[in-house]
Structure formats: structure tokens, C-alpha cells
Amino acid sequence: MPPINATVNWEAGKNKGTVADIQVPAANGATVINWSCGTNVASFGITGLDSSEFSPTASNGQVTSFSTTDSNNQAKTYSYTVSATHQDGRTSSHDPKIENGT
């Protein structure tokens, strides 16, 4: 299956880095999810991915891109944390979701 791409953007109105929730269709089977920096984001970190479903489970610090393999073997919604750094140095955290089996 093709990978799912997600972009970490800085939303000026919310003054924080955000990424849209990710939906992984059950028919995809195991799926690679790729995150990258978007508008005004210098770097980001990802933590808290469930170790029974994702490998690796964290980006190990601030990065400009990160990929994990979602085994997608349970129809379940998972939360994780994205810590974004704006190009001017501001930081924020956001807890988006990955919905498996949609």
C-alpha cells in the first residue's frame, strides 16, 4: 500500500503546531506513515505511539521528517503527541489521532 503523508503546520490563529488526524483504512493492511515540516515549522518531535501497533514509537527528538510503520491490525483510535518548533523558536504541543480500520 502507498504510504500516508502528514504535514505538521503552524496555525497562526491557534499559535501552535498542528497535524490533521490520520485515517488508515482497514483494507490498507500495514501502512507507513510519513510526517514532514510544513508552513513555518522548523522541526517537530513525535512521542507516545503505541508500541503494540507502531514501530518506531517516537522520533527521538526534534526532526524535519519521521516515518513509522502502522501494523494496522486493530480497528482502534490512537493518540500521540507532536511537539512543534516554529521557525522563530516558539514551541507547542498537540495530541492528534490515528484512526485504524476506518
C-alpha atoms as a PDB file:
ATOM      1  CA  MET A   1       0.000   0.000   0.000  1.00  0.00           C
ATOM      2  CA  PRO A   2       1.191   3.545  -0.607  1.00  0.00           C
ATOM      3  CA  PRO A   3       2.364   5.496   2.439  1.00  0.00           C
ATOM      4  CA  ILE A   4       0.196   8.065   4.170  1.00  0.00           C
ATOM      5  CA  ASN A   5       1.772  11.530   4.309  1.00  0.00           C
ATOM      6  CA  ALA A   6       1.058  14.017   7.090  1.00  0.00           C
ATOM      7  CA  THR A   7       2.304  17.593   7.409  1.00  0.00           C
ATOM      8  CA  VAL A   8       2.982  19.466  10.641  1.00  0.00           C
ATOM      9  CA  ASN A   9       1.898  23.087  10.050  1.00  0.00           C
ATOM     10  CA  TRP A  10       1.932  26.142  12.303  1.00  0.00           C
ATOM     11  CA  GLU A  11      -1.544  27.598  12.636  1.00  0.00           C
ATOM     12  CA  ALA A  12      -1.140  31.310  13.301  1.00  0.00           C
ATOM     13  CA  GLY A  13      -4.701  31.690  14.596  1.00  0.00           C
ATOM     14  CA  LYS A  14      -4.136  28.989  17.199  1.00  0.00           C
ATOM     15  CA  ASN A  15      -0.469  29.931  17.723  1.00  0.00           C
ATOM     16  CA  LYS A  16       0.544  26.278  17.666  1.00  0.00           C
ATOM     17  CA  GLY A  17       1.796  23.470  15.513  1.00  0.00           C
ATOM     18  CA  THR A  18      -0.876  21.065  14.344  1.00  0.00           C
ATOM     19  CA  VAL A  19      -1.281  17.981  12.201  1.00  0.00           C
ATOM     20  CA  ALA A  20      -4.572  16.578  10.935  1.00  0.00           C
ATOM     21  CA  ASP A  21      -5.902  13.311  12.308  1.00  0.00           C
ATOM     22  CA  ILE A  22      -4.822  10.373  10.160  1.00  0.00           C
ATOM     23  CA  GLN A  23      -7.233   7.710   8.897  1.00  0.00           C
ATOM     24  CA  VAL A  24      -5.804   4.317   7.941  1.00  0.00           C
ATOM     25  CA  PRO A  25      -8.317   2.159   6.040  1.00  0.00           C
ATOM     26  CA  ALA A  26      -8.529  -1.458   7.199  1.00  0.00           C
ATOM     27  CA  ALA A  27      -8.003  -2.598   3.603  1.00  0.00           C
ATOM     28  CA  ASN A  28      -4.531  -0.996   3.596  1.00  0.00           C
ATOM     29  CA  GLY A  29      -3.028  -3.548   5.953  1.00  0.00           C
ATOM     30  CA  ALA A  30       0.340  -2.484   7.366  1.00  0.00           C
ATOM     31  CA  THR A  31       0.972   1.113   6.343  1.00  0.00           C
ATOM     32  CA  VAL A  32       3.919   3.505   6.550  1.00  0.00           C
ATOM     33  CA  ILE A  33       3.028   6.949   7.888  1.00  0.00           C
ATOM     34  CA  ASN A  34       5.377   9.835   6.987  1.00  0.00           C
ATOM     35  CA  TRP A  35       5.362  13.214   8.743  1.00  0.00           C
ATOM     36  CA  SER A  36       7.175  16.301   7.453  1.00  0.00           C
ATOM     37  CA  CYS A  37       7.521  20.010   8.275  1.00  0.00           C
ATOM     38  CA  GLY A  38       5.019  22.342   6.698  1.00  0.00           C
ATOM     39  CA  THR A  39       4.244  26.049   6.914  1.00  0.00           C
ATOM     40  CA  ASN A  40       6.531  27.913   9.357  1.00  0.00           C
ATOM     41  CA  VAL A  41       7.611  24.706  11.165  1.00  0.00           C
ATOM     42  CA  ALA A  42      11.367  24.330  11.642  1.00  0.00           C
ATOM     43  CA  SER A  43      11.193  20.908  13.320  1.00  0.00           C
ATOM     44  CA  PHE A  44       8.925  18.607  15.277  1.00  0.00           C
ATOM     45  CA  GLY A  45       9.073  15.639  17.610  1.00  0.00           C
ATOM     46  CA  ILE A  46       6.686  12.700  17.863  1.00  0.00           C
ATOM     47  CA  THR A  47       6.185  10.661  21.030  1.00  0.00           C
ATOM     48  CA  GLY A  48       3.640   8.309  22.519  1.00  0.00           C
ATOM     49  CA  LEU A  49       2.857   5.999  19.598  1.00  0.00           C
ATOM     50  CA  ASP A  50       1.527   2.662  20.923  1.00  0.00           C
ATOM     51  CA  SER A  51       4.322   0.071  20.841  1.00  0.00           C
ATOM     52  CA  SER A  52       1.863  -2.744  20.072  1.00  0.00           C
ATOM     53  CA  GLU A  53       0.869  -1.018  16.821  1.00  0.00           C
ATOM     54  CA  PHE A  54       3.691   1.306  15.658  1.00  0.00           C
ATOM     55  CA  SER A  55       7.405   0.885  15.006  1.00  0.00           C
ATOM     56  CA  PRO A  56       9.279   3.029  15.845  1.00  0.00           C
ATOM     57  CA  THR A  57       7.179   4.703  18.540  1.00  0.00           C
ATOM     58  CA  ALA A  58       8.989   8.063  18.657  1.00  0.00           C
ATOM     59  CA  SER A  59      11.169  10.357  16.571  1.00  0.00           C
ATOM     60  CA  ASN A  60      13.911  10.542  19.241  1.00  0.00           C
ATOM     61  CA  GLY A  61      13.963  14.325  19.419  1.00  0.00           C
ATOM     62  CA  GLN A  62      13.262  17.163  17.018  1.00  0.00           C
ATOM     63  CA  VAL A  63      13.392  16.200  13.327  1.00  0.00           C
ATOM     64  CA  THR A  64      12.275  17.542   9.943  1.00  0.00           C
ATOM     65  CA  SER A  65      10.782  14.202   8.843  1.00  0.00           C
ATOM     66  CA  PHE A  66       9.758  10.971  10.561  1.00  0.00           C
ATOM     67  CA  SER A  67       8.277   7.652   9.441  1.00  0.00           C
ATOM     68  CA  THR A  68       6.696   4.785  11.349  1.00  0.00           C
ATOM     69  CA  THR A  69       5.073   1.525  10.294  1.00  0.00           C
ATOM     70  CA  ASP A  70       1.490   1.098  11.496  1.00  0.00           C
ATOM     71  CA  SER A  71       0.709  -2.624  11.672  1.00  0.00           C
ATOM     72  CA  ASN A  72      -2.981  -1.626  11.323  1.00  0.00           C
ATOM     73  CA  ASN A  73      -4.143  -4.874  12.895  1.00  0.00           C
ATOM     74  CA  GLN A  74      -6.718  -3.354  15.271  1.00  0.00           C
ATOM     75  CA  ALA A  75      -9.652  -1.079  14.478  1.00  0.00           C
ATOM     76  CA  LYS A  76      -8.878   1.488  17.140  1.00  0.00           C
ATOM     77  CA  THR A  77      -8.102   5.186  17.608  1.00  0.00           C
ATOM     78  CA  TYR A  78      -4.625   6.016  18.908  1.00  0.00           C
ATOM     79  CA  SER A  79      -3.435   9.330  20.364  1.00  0.00           C
ATOM     80  CA  TYR A  80       0.137  10.580  20.207  1.00  0.00           C
ATOM     81  CA  THR A  81       1.942  13.867  20.812  1.00  0.00           C
ATOM     82  CA  VAL A  82       3.512  16.208  18.267  1.00  0.00           C
ATOM     83  CA  SER A  83       5.817  18.894  19.679  1.00  0.00           C
ATOM     84  CA  ALA A  84       6.422  21.535  17.002  1.00  0.00           C
ATOM     85  CA  THR A  85       9.002  24.320  16.833  1.00  0.00           C
ATOM     86  CA  HIS A  86       8.155  27.444  14.824  1.00  0.00           C
ATOM     87  CA  GLN A  87      10.853  28.998  12.645  1.00  0.00           C
ATOM     88  CA  ASP A  88      11.142  31.834  15.191  1.00  0.00           C
ATOM     89  CA  GLY A  89      11.727  29.394  18.071  1.00  0.00           C
ATOM     90  CA  ARG A  90       8.247  29.224  19.620  1.00  0.00           C
ATOM     91  CA  THR A  91       7.154  25.728  20.648  1.00  0.00           C
ATOM     92  CA  SER A  92       3.840  23.969  21.174  1.00  0.00           C
ATOM     93  CA  SER A  93       2.379  20.506  21.657  1.00  0.00           C
ATOM     94  CA  HIS A  94      -0.636  18.905  20.027  1.00  0.00           C
ATOM     95  CA  ASP A  95      -2.287  15.472  20.530  1.00  0.00           C
ATOM     96  CA  PRO A  96      -3.710  14.312  17.189  1.00  0.00           C
ATOM     97  CA  LYS A  97      -5.136  10.870  16.497  1.00  0.00           C
ATOM     98  CA  ILE A  98      -4.539   7.947  14.167  1.00  0.00           C
ATOM     99  CA  GLU A  99      -7.734   6.049  13.367  1.00  0.00           C
ATOM    100  CA  ASN A 100      -7.075   2.482  12.240  1.00  0.00           C
ATOM    101  CA  GLY A 101      -9.644   0.369  10.458  1.00  0.00           C
ATOM    102  CA  THR A 102     -11.659   3.275   9.095  1.00  0.00           C
END
